Amino acid sequence: MELHFNRGNGPIDELIDQLTRQVGVHHPGIVREMILSALKAGQEIDYPADLKLMRTTMKEMRYTSKVFGPYRDRRKVTIFGSARTQPEEPIYQKCVTFARLLAERGYMAITGGGGGIMQAGNEGAGADNSFAVNIRLPFEQETNPVMSQDAKVLVYKYFFNRKVAFLKEANAVALFPGGFGTLDEAMETLTLVQTGKNPPIPLVLIDDDDGDYWETFFEFMKKTLLKRGLISGEDFALFTITRDPLEAVQNIVDFYRVYHSSRFVGDTLVIRLNKPLSPEQIETLRSEFSEILVPGTPITQGGAFPEERDQPDLLHLPRLLLKFNRRNFGLLKAFIRRINSF
């Protein structure tokens, strides 16, 4: 029989309802659609490898939510960098210091769980304040000794699931020098924030003391990408480059001084705040950042939309409501920094 996501499946809907009641699930309406998706895939796909990919993806994402769920109320920073960096190298020690400073401020570190910069991040934050989001590889990727016995270790088969975990759970991303994988993560994070597919977060590029990695990369972007019009000047607001781990940590902490988080509800950008703003402050934002608004629309302050009930822990926060043009995401980061100045 042909299955539908609406309740037109007759006895199949009744069986699914009985199953969810007997097992006991949260949000049975959502789980019902997940079950129907699996059944429809079984009907439509006869190629075993495709079904195995879907099965493994579901299992890995389920376990991701299970491991991270108890720590939902703590902010987290994903740390990327080379697996080949040695403990005696200055950049390794710089990462240890960075992660330690984060943990002292209540943050948790998420790393790839391997050696090098990943181990430095876990070492600095300590296992109690760390996650290891590992991947099965034929080399370079045994879980580091800091995290090898910890329950907050996840090992993925697929890179794309691992990538989702790195960014889905992160309130900030810190990038240390690294190889292809680090550059891949840097470009992916920049792309997702630049296009609005990831909420605005601090992206901090932490360089060697001589600045010969990220600062060189910055020069390439400025002299080649910007010169050719492949990026815009405001895209440089999406990230910060520093050689100082304390400055990097402060950049992250300051980003959440007044700003809390954001999401779209329909065509309205909802910016959640840690404290309400005055009418004068809202008018300042409107006058200084009118170009990011849909022409003729205001910035107002209000409460949560009904659609936000899927995040019940955030319903109490005050909110700014605006019609963002969905283009100037670099300026949106500047807008958030201006909010944090109040």
C-alpha atoms as a PDB file:
ATOM      1  CA  MET A   1       0.000   0.000   0.000  1.00  0.00           C
ATOM      2  CA  GLU A   2       1.060   3.585  -0.570  1.00  0.00           C
ATOM      3  CA  LEU A   3       1.922   5.375   2.665  1.00  0.00           C
ATOM      4  CA  HIS A   4       1.283   9.043   3.416  1.00  0.00           C
ATOM      5  CA  PHE A   5       2.509  11.360   6.176  1.00  0.00           C
ATOM      6  CA  ASN A   6      -1.040  12.545   6.822  1.00  0.00           C
ATOM      7  CA  ARG A   7      -3.321  10.258   8.778  1.00  0.00           C
ATOM      8  CA  GLY A   8      -4.688   8.413   5.752  1.00  0.00           C
ATOM      9  CA  ASN A   9      -3.005   5.053   6.235  1.00  0.00           C
ATOM     10  CA  GLY A  10      -5.859   3.273   7.999  1.00  0.00           C
ATOM     11  CA  PRO A  11      -4.685   0.283  10.054  1.00  0.00           C
ATOM     12  CA  ILE A  12      -1.013   1.253   9.625  1.00  0.00           C
ATOM     13  CA  ASP A  13      -1.633   4.482  11.548  1.00  0.00           C
ATOM     14  CA  GLU A  14      -3.340   2.490  14.289  1.00  0.00           C
ATOM     15  CA  LEU A  15      -0.401   0.066  14.492  1.00  0.00           C
ATOM     16  CA  ILE A  16       2.098   2.922  14.712  1.00  0.00           C
ATOM     17  CA  ASP A  17      -0.002   4.594  17.428  1.00  0.00           C
ATOM     18  CA  GLN A  18      -0.143   1.329  19.392  1.00  0.00           C
ATOM     19  CA  LEU A  19       3.617   0.866  19.020  1.00  0.00           C
ATOM     20  CA  THR A  20       4.504   4.371  20.240  1.00  0.00           C
ATOM     21  CA  ARG A  21       2.108   4.038  23.186  1.00  0.00           C
ATOM     22  CA  GLN A  22       3.463   0.638  24.165  1.00  0.00           C
ATOM     23  CA  VAL A  23       7.110   1.664  23.887  1.00  0.00           C
ATOM     24  CA  GLY A  24       6.581   5.122  25.370  1.00  0.00           C
ATOM     25  CA  VAL A  25       8.100   7.936  23.325  1.00  0.00           C
ATOM     26  CA  HIS A  26       8.462  11.685  23.566  1.00  0.00           C
ATOM     27  CA  HIS A  27       6.596  13.691  20.921  1.00  0.00           C
ATOM     28  CA  PRO A  28       4.812  10.761  19.234  1.00  0.00           C
ATOM     29  CA  GLY A  29       3.762  12.870  16.250  1.00  0.00           C
ATOM     30  CA  ILE A  30       7.391  13.426  15.264  1.00  0.00           C
ATOM     31  CA  VAL A  31       8.328   9.806  15.946  1.00  0.00           C
ATOM     32  CA  ARG A  32       5.373   8.698  13.814  1.00  0.00           C
ATOM     33  CA  GLU A  33       6.798  10.543  10.799  1.00  0.00           C
ATOM     34  CA  MET A  34      10.213   8.977  11.411  1.00  0.00           C
ATOM     35  CA  ILE A  35       8.654   5.504  11.403  1.00  0.00           C
ATOM     36  CA  LEU A  36       6.733   6.285   8.232  1.00  0.00           C
ATOM     37  CA  SER A  37       9.942   7.550   6.594  1.00  0.00           C
ATOM     38  CA  ALA A  38      11.623   4.223   7.370  1.00  0.00           C
ATOM     39  CA  LEU A  39       8.663   2.249   6.024  1.00  0.00           C
ATOM     40  CA  LYS A  40       8.490   4.343   2.859  1.00  0.00           C
ATOM     41  CA  ALA A  41      12.243   3.871   2.330  1.00  0.00           C
ATOM     42  CA  GLY A  42      11.731   0.114   2.655  1.00  0.00           C
ATOM     43  CA  GLN A  43       9.000   0.263   0.017  1.00  0.00           C
ATOM     44  CA  GLU A  44      10.808   2.504  -2.445  1.00  0.00           C
ATOM     45  CA  ILE A  45      14.452   1.427  -2.201  1.00  0.00           C
ATOM     46  CA  ASP A  46      15.660  -2.056  -3.084  1.00  0.00           C
ATOM     47  CA  TYR A  47      19.393  -1.225  -3.124  1.00  0.00           C
ATOM     48  CA  PRO A  48      20.811  -2.506   0.189  1.00  0.00           C
ATOM     49  CA  ALA A  49      23.724  -0.044   0.385  1.00  0.00           C
ATOM     50  CA  ASP A  50      21.335   2.942   0.331  1.00  0.00           C
ATOM     51  CA  LEU A  51      19.205   1.449   3.090  1.00  0.00           C
ATOM     52  CA  LYS A  52      22.315   0.706   5.159  1.00  0.00           C
ATOM     53  CA  LEU A  53      23.446   4.332   4.807  1.00  0.00           C
ATOM     54  CA  MET A  54      20.057   5.577   6.063  1.00  0.00           C
ATOM     55  CA  ARG A  55      20.069   3.059   8.905  1.00  0.00           C
ATOM     56  CA  THR A  56      23.558   3.972  10.086  1.00  0.00           C
ATOM     57  CA  THR A  57      22.865   7.699   9.786  1.00  0.00           C
ATOM     58  CA  MET A  58      19.792   7.382  11.983  1.00  0.00           C
ATOM     59  CA  LYS A  59      21.636   5.288  14.560  1.00  0.00           C
ATOM     60  CA  GLU A  60      24.584   7.687  14.705  1.00  0.00           C
ATOM     61  CA  MET A  61      22.424  10.804  15.022  1.00  0.00           C
ATOM     62  CA  ARG A  62      20.304   9.169  17.722  1.00  0.00           C
ATOM     63  CA  TYR A  63      23.395   8.396  19.769  1.00  0.00           C
ATOM     64  CA  THR A  64      24.719  11.931  19.193  1.00  0.00           C
ATOM     65  CA  SER A  65      21.608  13.420  20.797  1.00  0.00           C
ATOM     66  CA  LYS A  66      21.762  10.910  23.641  1.00  0.00           C
ATOM     67  CA  VAL A  67      25.356  11.803  24.534  1.00  0.00           C
ATOM     68  CA  PHE A  68      25.037  15.574  24.185  1.00  0.00           C
ATOM     69  CA  GLY A  69      21.524  15.861  25.638  1.00  0.00           C
ATOM     70  CA  PRO A  70      22.452  15.989  29.343  1.00  0.00           C
ATOM     71  CA  TYR A  71      24.779  18.937  28.651  1.00  0.00           C
ATOM     72  CA  ARG A  72      22.314  21.058  26.686  1.00  0.00           C
ATOM     73  CA  ASP A  73      22.503  23.879  29.228  1.00  0.00           C
ATOM     74  CA  ARG A  74      26.271  24.347  28.816  1.00  0.00           C
ATOM     75  CA  ARG A  75      27.842  26.240  25.951  1.00  0.00           C
ATOM     76  CA  LYS A  76      30.364  24.350  23.860  1.00  0.00           C
ATOM     77  CA  VAL A  77      33.243  25.224  21.546  1.00  0.00           C
ATOM     78  CA  THR A  78      34.340  22.943  18.727  1.00  0.00           C
ATOM     79  CA  ILE A  79      38.123  22.905  18.286  1.00  0.00           C
ATOM     80  CA  PHE A  80      39.702  21.954  14.960  1.00  0.00           C
ATOM     81  CA  GLY A  81      43.382  21.526  14.111  1.00  0.00           C
ATOM     82  CA  SER A  82      46.028  19.097  12.960  1.00  0.00           C
ATOM     83  CA  ALA A  83      46.216  15.547  14.302  1.00  0.00           C
ATOM     84  CA  ARG A  84      49.969  15.682  13.613  1.00  0.00           C
ATOM     85  CA  THR A  85      50.825  18.531  15.994  1.00  0.00           C
ATOM     86  CA  GLN A  86      53.227  17.319  18.702  1.00  0.00           C
ATOM     87  CA  PRO A  87      52.921  18.160  22.430  1.00  0.00           C
ATOM     88  CA  GLU A  88      56.273  19.964  22.417  1.00  0.00           C
ATOM     89  CA  GLU A  89      55.122  22.411  19.724  1.00  0.00           C
ATOM     90  CA  PRO A  90      54.110  25.896  20.930  1.00  0.00           C
ATOM     91  CA  ILE A  91      50.763  25.753  19.089  1.00  0.00           C
ATOM     92  CA  TYR A  92      49.867  22.565  21.009  1.00  0.00           C
ATOM     93  CA  GLN A  93      50.464  24.341  24.316  1.00  0.00           C
ATOM     94  CA  LYS A  94      48.536  27.349  23.052  1.00  0.00           C
ATOM     95  CA  CYS A  95      45.549  25.084  22.437  1.00  0.00           C
ATOM     96  CA  VAL A  96      45.883  23.564  25.915  1.00  0.00           C
ATOM     97  CA  THR A  97      45.782  27.074  27.381  1.00  0.00           C
ATOM     98  CA  PHE A  98      42.822  28.080  25.216  1.00  0.00           C
ATOM     99  CA  ALA A  99      40.754  25.050  26.250  1.00  0.00           C
ATOM    100  CA  ARG A 100      41.669  25.463  29.912  1.00  0.00           C
ATOM    101  CA  LEU A 101      40.516  29.088  29.838  1.00  0.00           C
ATOM    102  CA  LEU A 102      37.252  28.005  28.213  1.00  0.00           C
ATOM    103  CA  ALA A 103      36.597  25.410  30.903  1.00  0.00           C
ATOM    104  CA  GLU A 104      37.333  27.957  33.635  1.00  0.00           C
ATOM    105  CA  ARG A 105      34.495  30.042  32.170  1.00  0.00           C
ATOM    106  CA  GLY A 106      32.060  27.147  32.159  1.00  0.00           C
ATOM    107  CA  TYR A 107      32.418  26.098  28.523  1.00  0.00           C
ATOM    108  CA  MET A 108      32.927  22.582  27.209  1.00  0.00           C
ATOM    109  CA  ALA A 109      35.266  21.555  24.391  1.00  0.00           C
ATOM    110  CA  ILE A 110      34.322  19.381  21.425  1.00  0.00           C
ATOM    111  CA  THR A 111      37.216  17.869  19.487  1.00  0.00           C
ATOM    112  CA  GLY A 112      37.671  15.164  16.893  1.00  0.00           C
ATOM    113  CA  GLY A 113      38.956  12.885  19.630  1.00  0.00           C
ATOM    114  CA  GLY A 114      42.300  12.107  17.999  1.00  0.00           C
ATOM    115  CA  GLY A 115      45.838  13.263  18.698  1.00  0.00           C
ATOM    116  CA  GLY A 116      47.549  16.569  18.072  1.00  0.00           C
ATOM    117  CA  ILE A 117      45.391  19.678  18.488  1.00  0.00           C
ATOM    118  CA  MET A 118      42.408  17.466  19.291  1.00  0.00           C
ATOM    119  CA  GLN A 119      44.198  15.951  22.249  1.00  0.00           C
ATOM    120  CA  ALA A 120      45.427  19.394  23.325  1.00  0.00           C
ATOM    121  CA  GLY A 121      41.836  20.655  23.419  1.00  0.00           C
ATOM    122  CA  ASN A 122      40.660  17.734  25.523  1.00  0.00           C
ATOM    123  CA  GLU A 123      43.734  18.004  27.754  1.00  0.00           C
ATOM    124  CA  GLY A 124      43.195  21.687  28.445  1.00  0.00           C
ATOM    125  CA  ALA A 125      39.473  21.408  29.146  1.00  0.00           C
ATOM    126  CA  GLY A 126      39.787  18.082  30.972  1.00  0.00           C
ATOM    127  CA  ALA A 127      37.726  14.987  30.265  1.00  0.00           C
ATOM    128  CA  ASP A 128      34.830  16.186  32.439  1.00  0.00           C
ATOM    129  CA  ASN A 129      34.439  19.251  30.216  1.00  0.00           C
ATOM    130  CA  SER A 130      35.115  17.537  26.878  1.00  0.00           C
ATOM    131  CA  PHE A 131      33.575  15.526  24.079  1.00  0.00           C
ATOM    132  CA  ALA A 132      35.463  13.404  21.552  1.00  0.00           C
ATOM    133  CA  VAL A 133      33.678  13.176  18.201  1.00  0.00           C
ATOM    134  CA  ASN A 134      35.793  10.566  16.467  1.00  0.00           C
ATOM    135  CA  ILE A 135      35.778   8.900  13.039  1.00  0.00           C
ATOM    136  CA  ARG A 136      36.817   5.442  11.889  1.00  0.00           C
ATOM    137  CA  LEU A 137      39.977   5.869   9.822  1.00  0.00           C
ATOM    138  CA  PRO A 138      42.797   3.517   8.892  1.00  0.00           C
ATOM    139  CA  PHE A 139      45.354   5.922  10.407  1.00  0.00           C
ATOM    140  CA  GLU A 140      45.756   8.960  12.688  1.00  0.00           C
ATOM    141  CA  GLN A 141      42.508   8.569  14.550  1.00  0.00           C
ATOM    142  CA  GLU A 142      42.639   6.442  17.696  1.00  0.00           C
ATOM    143  CA  THR A 143      40.811   8.128  20.551  1.00  0.00           C
ATOM    144  CA  ASN A 144      43.354  10.114  22.539  1.00  0.00           C
ATOM    145  CA  PRO A 145      44.275   8.997  26.082  1.00  0.00           C
ATOM    146  CA  VAL A 146      42.479  11.949  27.683  1.00  0.00           C
ATOM    147  CA  MET A 147      39.115  10.729  26.387  1.00  0.00           C
ATOM    148  CA  SER A 148      39.603   7.022  25.691  1.00  0.00           C
ATOM    149  CA  GLN A 149      37.791   5.909  28.859  1.00  0.00           C
ATOM    150  CA  ASP A 150      35.185   8.672  28.935  1.00  0.00           C
ATOM    151  CA  ALA A 151      31.495   8.164  28.206  1.00  0.00           C
ATOM    152  CA  LYS A 152      31.402  11.322  26.052  1.00  0.00           C
ATOM    153  CA  VAL A 153      33.164   9.645  23.117  1.00  0.00           C
ATOM    154  CA  LEU A 154      31.330   9.144  19.834  1.00  0.00           C
ATOM    155  CA  VAL A 155      32.785   7.210  16.903  1.00  0.00           C
ATOM    156  CA  TYR A 156      31.233   7.776  13.484  1.00  0.00           C
ATOM    157  CA  LYS A 157      31.326   5.793  10.285  1.00  0.00           C
ATOM    158  CA  TYR A 158      30.315   8.731   8.103  1.00  0.00           C
ATOM    159  CA  PHE A 159      32.071  12.079   7.956  1.00  0.00           C
ATOM    160  CA  PHE A 160      28.837  13.918   7.210  1.00  0.00           C
ATOM    161  CA  ASN A 161      27.237  12.761  10.486  1.00  0.00           C
ATOM    162  CA  ARG A 162      30.358  13.800  12.363  1.00  0.00           C
ATOM    163  CA  LYS A 163      30.272  17.219  10.698  1.00  0.00           C
ATOM    164  CA  VAL A 164      26.666  17.708  11.790  1.00  0.00           C
ATOM    165  CA  ALA A 165      27.618  16.934  15.391  1.00  0.00           C
ATOM    166  CA  PHE A 166      30.564  19.358  15.337  1.00  0.00           C
ATOM    167  CA  LEU A 167      28.370  22.311  14.327  1.00  0.00           C
ATOM    168  CA  LYS A 168      24.946  21.352  15.673  1.00  0.00           C
ATOM    169  CA  GLU A 169      26.287  21.314  19.218  1.00  0.00           C
ATOM    170  CA  ALA A 170      28.739  24.226  18.925  1.00  0.00           C
ATOM    171  CA  ASN A 171      28.217  27.744  20.240  1.00  0.00           C
ATOM    172  CA  ALA A 172      31.582  28.710  18.740  1.00  0.00           C
ATOM    173  CA  VAL A 173      34.295  27.231  16.538  1.00  0.00           C
ATOM    174  CA  ALA A 174      38.041  27.608  17.107  1.00  0.00           C
ATOM    175  CA  LEU A 175      40.482  26.675  14.361  1.00  0.00           C
ATOM    176  CA  PHE A 176      44.170  26.032  14.921  1.00  0.00           C
ATOM    177  CA  PRO A 177      46.633  25.344  12.067  1.00  0.00           C
ATOM    178  CA  GLY A 178      45.992  22.069  10.305  1.00  0.00           C
ATOM    179  CA  GLY A 179      45.865  20.176   7.041  1.00  0.00           C
ATOM    180  CA  PHE A 180      43.147  19.401   4.533  1.00  0.00           C
ATOM    181  CA  GLY A 181      40.636  18.419   7.221  1.00  0.00           C
ATOM    182  CA  THR A 182      41.084  21.653   9.162  1.00  0.00           C
ATOM    183  CA  LEU A 183      40.758  23.765   6.019  1.00  0.00           C
ATOM    184  CA  ASP A 184      37.684  21.774   5.056  1.00  0.00           C
ATOM    185  CA  GLU A 185      36.072  22.514   8.415  1.00  0.00           C
ATOM    186  CA  ALA A 186      37.057  26.183   8.185  1.00  0.00           C
ATOM    187  CA  MET A 187      35.494  26.574   4.739  1.00  0.00           C
ATOM    188  CA  GLU A 188      32.390  24.618   5.660  1.00  0.00           C
ATOM    189  CA  THR A 189      31.791  26.677   8.797  1.00  0.00           C
ATOM    190  CA  LEU A 190      32.354  29.937   6.923  1.00  0.00           C
ATOM    191  CA  THR A 191      29.999  28.833   4.155  1.00  0.00           C
ATOM    192  CA  LEU A 192      27.236  27.782   6.532  1.00  0.00           C
ATOM    193  CA  VAL A 193      27.408  31.017   8.520  1.00  0.00           C
ATOM    194  CA  GLN A 194      27.780  33.187   5.385  1.00  0.00           C
ATOM    195  CA  THR A 195      24.660  31.629   3.846  1.00  0.00           C
ATOM    196  CA  GLY A 196      22.641  31.552   7.057  1.00  0.00           C
ATOM    197  CA  LYS A 197      22.382  27.765   7.171  1.00  0.00           C
ATOM    198  CA  ASN A 198      24.090  27.892  10.577  1.00  0.00           C
ATOM    199  CA  PRO A 199      23.102  30.466  13.198  1.00  0.00           C
ATOM    200  CA  PRO A 200      25.674  33.216  13.837  1.00  0.00           C
ATOM    201  CA  ILE A 201      28.474  31.953  16.079  1.00  0.00           C
ATOM    202  CA  PRO A 202      32.007  33.152  16.864  1.00  0.00           C
ATOM    203  CA  LEU A 203      34.570  31.698  14.483  1.00  0.00           C
ATOM    204  CA  VAL A 204      38.061  32.243  15.885  1.00  0.00           C
ATOM    205  CA  LEU A 205      41.216  31.395  13.932  1.00  0.00           C
ATOM    206  CA  ILE A 206      44.111  30.998  16.367  1.00  0.00           C
ATOM    207  CA  ASP A 207      47.527  31.412  14.763  1.00  0.00           C
ATOM    208  CA  ASP A 208      51.154  30.630  15.528  1.00  0.00           C
ATOM    209  CA  ASP A 209      53.134  33.363  17.248  1.00  0.00           C
ATOM    210  CA  ASP A 210      54.654  34.362  13.908  1.00  0.00           C
ATOM    211  CA  GLY A 211      51.264  34.466  12.172  1.00  0.00           C
ATOM    212  CA  ASP A 212      52.356  32.389   9.203  1.00  0.00           C
ATOM    213  CA  TYR A 213      49.222  30.240   8.903  1.00  0.00           C
ATOM    214  CA  TRP A 214      45.846  31.987   9.298  1.00  0.00           C
ATOM    215  CA  GLU A 215      47.234  35.451   8.602  1.00  0.00           C
ATOM    216  CA  THR A 216      48.710  34.113   5.355  1.00  0.00           C
ATOM    217  CA  PHE A 217      45.359  32.533   4.594  1.00  0.00           C
ATOM    218  CA  PHE A 218      43.695  35.910   5.260  1.00  0.00           C
ATOM    219  CA  GLU A 219      46.033  37.573   2.756  1.00  0.00           C
ATOM    220  CA  PHE A 220      45.030  35.000   0.134  1.00  0.00           C
ATOM    221  CA  MET A 221      41.351  35.724   0.744  1.00  0.00           C
ATOM    222  CA  LYS A 222      41.917  39.472   0.543  1.00  0.00           C
ATOM    223  CA  LYS A 223      44.226  39.526  -2.492  1.00  0.00           C
ATOM    224  CA  THR A 224      42.535  36.782  -4.498  1.00  0.00           C
ATOM    225  CA  LEU A 225      38.945  36.086  -3.417  1.00  0.00           C
ATOM    226  CA  LEU A 226      37.992  39.654  -2.539  1.00  0.00           C
ATOM    227  CA  LYS A 227      39.872  41.165  -5.475  1.00  0.00           C
ATOM    228  CA  ARG A 228      37.980  38.932  -7.908  1.00  0.00           C
ATOM    229  CA  GLY A 229      34.649  39.717  -6.262  1.00  0.00           C
ATOM    230  CA  LEU A 230      34.211  36.108  -5.143  1.00  0.00           C
ATOM    231  CA  ILE A 231      33.492  37.270  -1.582  1.00  0.00           C
ATOM    232  CA  SER A 232      32.467  40.646  -0.179  1.00  0.00           C
ATOM    233  CA  GLY A 233      34.222  42.876   2.324  1.00  0.00           C
ATOM    234  CA  GLU A 234      31.624  42.195   4.999  1.00  0.00           C
ATOM    235  CA  ASP A 235      32.505  38.478   4.906  1.00  0.00           C
ATOM    236  CA  PHE A 236      35.643  39.310   6.879  1.00  0.00           C
ATOM    237  CA  ALA A 237      33.331  40.062   9.817  1.00  0.00           C
ATOM    238  CA  LEU A 238      32.440  36.366   9.949  1.00  0.00           C
ATOM    239  CA  PHE A 239      35.697  35.422  11.672  1.00  0.00           C
ATOM    240  CA  THR A 240      38.462  36.732  13.920  1.00  0.00           C
ATOM    241  CA  ILE A 241      42.189  35.960  13.683  1.00  0.00           C
ATOM    242  CA  THR A 242      44.329  36.151  16.799  1.00  0.00           C
ATOM    243  CA  ARG A 243      47.617  34.793  18.148  1.00  0.00           C
ATOM    244  CA  ASP A 244      46.456  35.141  21.759  1.00  0.00           C
ATOM    245  CA  PRO A 245      44.396  32.321  23.349  1.00  0.00           C
ATOM    246  CA  LEU A 246      43.002  34.678  25.993  1.00  0.00           C
ATOM    247  CA  GLU A 247      41.793  37.090  23.308  1.00  0.00           C
ATOM    248  CA  ALA A 248      40.191  34.151  21.497  1.00  0.00           C
ATOM    249  CA  VAL A 249      38.323  33.086  24.611  1.00  0.00           C
ATOM    250  CA  GLN A 250      37.213  36.634  25.359  1.00  0.00           C
ATOM    251  CA  ASN A 251      35.898  36.983  21.803  1.00  0.00           C
ATOM    252  CA  ILE A 252      33.659  33.977  22.398  1.00  0.00           C
ATOM    253  CA  VAL A 253      32.496  35.022  25.864  1.00  0.00           C
ATOM    254  CA  ASP A 254      31.715  38.582  24.714  1.00  0.00           C
ATOM    255  CA  PHE A 255      29.579  37.278  21.838  1.00  0.00           C
ATOM    256  CA  TYR A 256      27.096  35.925  24.390  1.00  0.00           C
ATOM    257  CA  ARG A 257      27.155  38.871  26.792  1.00  0.00           C
ATOM    258  CA  VAL A 258      23.697  40.146  25.752  1.00  0.00           C
ATOM    259  CA  TYR A 259      22.975  38.030  22.657  1.00  0.00           C
ATOM    260  CA  HIS A 260      21.809  34.513  23.488  1.00  0.00           C
ATOM    261  CA  SER A 261      20.769  32.768  20.253  1.00  0.00           C
ATOM    262  CA  SER A 262      18.593  33.189  17.178  1.00  0.00           C
ATOM    263  CA  ARG A 263      16.333  31.385  14.726  1.00  0.00           C
ATOM    264  CA  PHE A 264      13.870  32.167  11.971  1.00  0.00           C
ATOM    265  CA  VAL A 265      10.130  31.840  12.483  1.00  0.00           C
ATOM    266  CA  GLY A 266       8.685  32.216   9.010  1.00  0.00           C
ATOM    267  CA  ASP A 267      10.259  35.369   7.591  1.00  0.00           C
ATOM    268  CA  THR A 268      10.980  36.853  11.035  1.00  0.00           C
ATOM    269  CA  LEU A 269      14.438  36.648  12.560  1.00  0.00           C
ATOM    270  CA  VAL A 270      14.040  36.062  16.295  1.00  0.00           C
ATOM    271  CA  ILE A 271      17.066  37.149  18.309  1.00  0.00           C
ATOM    272  CA  ARG A 272      16.946  35.930  21.891  1.00  0.00           C
ATOM    273  CA  LEU A 273      18.618  38.101  24.502  1.00  0.00           C
ATOM    274  CA  ASN A 274      19.993  37.634  27.993  1.00  0.00           C
ATOM    275  CA  LYS A 275      18.388  40.929  28.996  1.00  0.00           C
ATOM    276  CA  PRO A 276      15.826  43.267  27.396  1.00  0.00           C
ATOM    277  CA  LEU A 277      16.940  46.385  25.534  1.00  0.00           C
ATOM    278  CA  SER A 278      15.580  49.873  26.011  1.00  0.00           C
ATOM    279  CA  PRO A 279      13.546  51.602  23.275  1.00  0.00           C
ATOM    280  CA  GLU A 280      16.487  53.964  22.731  1.00  0.00           C
ATOM    281  CA  GLN A 281      18.878  51.056  22.194  1.00  0.00           C
ATOM    282  CA  ILE A 282      16.500  49.418  19.728  1.00  0.00           C
ATOM    283  CA  GLU A 283      16.226  52.685  17.805  1.00  0.00           C
ATOM    284  CA  THR A 284      20.026  52.886  17.710  1.00  0.00           C
ATOM    285  CA  LEU A 285      20.152  49.416  16.166  1.00  0.00           C
ATOM    286  CA  ARG A 286      17.512  50.333  13.600  1.00  0.00           C
ATOM    287  CA  SER A 287      19.282  53.528  12.548  1.00  0.00           C
ATOM    288  CA  GLU A 288      22.775  51.994  12.397  1.00  0.00           C
ATOM    289  CA  PHE A 289      21.792  48.745  10.669  1.00  0.00           C
ATOM    290  CA  SER A 290      18.833  49.680   8.485  1.00  0.00           C
ATOM    291  CA  GLU A 291      20.527  48.073   5.474  1.00  0.00           C
ATOM    292  CA  ILE A 292      20.106  44.562   6.902  1.00  0.00           C
ATOM    293  CA  LEU A 293      16.344  45.060   7.267  1.00  0.00           C
ATOM    294  CA  VAL A 294      13.667  44.483   4.675  1.00  0.00           C
ATOM    295  CA  PRO A 295      12.906  48.093   3.615  1.00  0.00           C
ATOM    296  CA  GLY A 296      10.262  49.805   5.704  1.00  0.00           C
ATOM    297  CA  THR A 297      10.194  47.218   8.484  1.00  0.00           C
ATOM    298  CA  PRO A 298      10.922  47.923  12.181  1.00  0.00           C
ATOM    299  CA  ILE A 299      12.846  46.183  14.935  1.00  0.00           C
ATOM    300  CA  THR A 300      10.537  45.313  17.811  1.00  0.00           C
ATOM    301  CA  GLN A 301      10.851  43.543  21.140  1.00  0.00           C
ATOM    302  CA  GLY A 302       8.508  40.721  22.097  1.00  0.00           C
ATOM    303  CA  GLY A 303       7.988  37.241  23.467  1.00  0.00           C
ATOM    304  CA  ALA A 304       8.278  33.767  22.032  1.00  0.00           C
ATOM    305  CA  PHE A 305       6.295  32.614  19.014  1.00  0.00           C
ATOM    306  CA  PRO A 306       4.155  29.464  19.341  1.00  0.00           C
ATOM    307  CA  GLU A 307       6.520  27.794  16.859  1.00  0.00           C
ATOM    308  CA  GLU A 308       9.333  28.102  19.409  1.00  0.00           C
ATOM    309  CA  ARG A 309       7.738  25.636  21.801  1.00  0.00           C
ATOM    310  CA  ASP A 310      10.109  23.005  20.417  1.00  0.00           C
ATOM    311  CA  GLN A 311      12.798  24.760  22.494  1.00  0.00           C
ATOM    312  CA  PRO A 312      10.961  25.070  25.833  1.00  0.00           C
ATOM    313  CA  ASP A 313      14.073  25.981  27.817  1.00  0.00           C
ATOM    314  CA  LEU A 314      14.378  29.255  25.858  1.00  0.00           C
ATOM    315  CA  LEU A 315      10.781  30.497  26.002  1.00  0.00           C
ATOM    316  CA  HIS A 316      11.419  32.882  28.891  1.00  0.00           C
ATOM    317  CA  LEU A 317      14.075  34.980  27.137  1.00  0.00           C
ATOM    318  CA  PRO A 318      13.294  38.475  25.788  1.00  0.00           C
ATOM    319  CA  ARG A 319      13.487  38.779  22.014  1.00  0.00           C
ATOM    320  CA  LEU A 320      14.214  41.182  19.204  1.00  0.00           C
ATOM    321  CA  LEU A 321      12.016  40.605  16.143  1.00  0.00           C
ATOM    322  CA  LEU A 322      13.065  41.839  12.716  1.00  0.00           C
ATOM    323  CA  LYS A 323      12.693  41.152   9.017  1.00  0.00           C
ATOM    324  CA  PHE A 324      16.274  40.373   8.062  1.00  0.00           C
ATOM    325  CA  ASN A 325      17.117  40.551   4.359  1.00  0.00           C
ATOM    326  CA  ARG A 326      18.865  37.142   4.519  1.00  0.00           C
ATOM    327  CA  ARG A 327      21.818  38.452   2.541  1.00  0.00           C
ATOM    328  CA  ASN A 328      24.152  40.434   4.782  1.00  0.00           C
ATOM    329  CA  PHE A 329      25.241  37.791   7.274  1.00  0.00           C
ATOM    330  CA  GLY A 330      28.565  39.508   7.833  1.00  0.00           C
ATOM    331  CA  LEU A 331      26.682  42.641   8.871  1.00  0.00           C
ATOM    332  CA  LEU A 332      24.420  40.493  11.029  1.00  0.00           C
ATOM    333  CA  LYS A 333      27.516  39.494  13.032  1.00  0.00           C
ATOM    334  CA  ALA A 334      28.314  43.203  13.406  1.00  0.00           C
ATOM    335  CA  PHE A 335      24.688  43.775  14.482  1.00  0.00           C
ATOM    336  CA  ILE A 336      25.135  41.173  17.235  1.00  0.00           C
ATOM    337  CA  ARG A 337      28.367  42.787  18.382  1.00  0.00           C
ATOM    338  CA  ARG A 338      26.504  46.096  18.630  1.00  0.00           C
ATOM    339  CA  ILE A 339      23.802  44.408  20.749  1.00  0.00           C
ATOM    340  CA  ASN A 340      26.544  43.181  23.068  1.00  0.00           C
ATOM    341  CA  SER A 341      27.832  46.729  23.521  1.00  0.00           C
ATOM    342  CA  PHE A 342      24.691  47.750  25.409  1.00  0.00           C
END
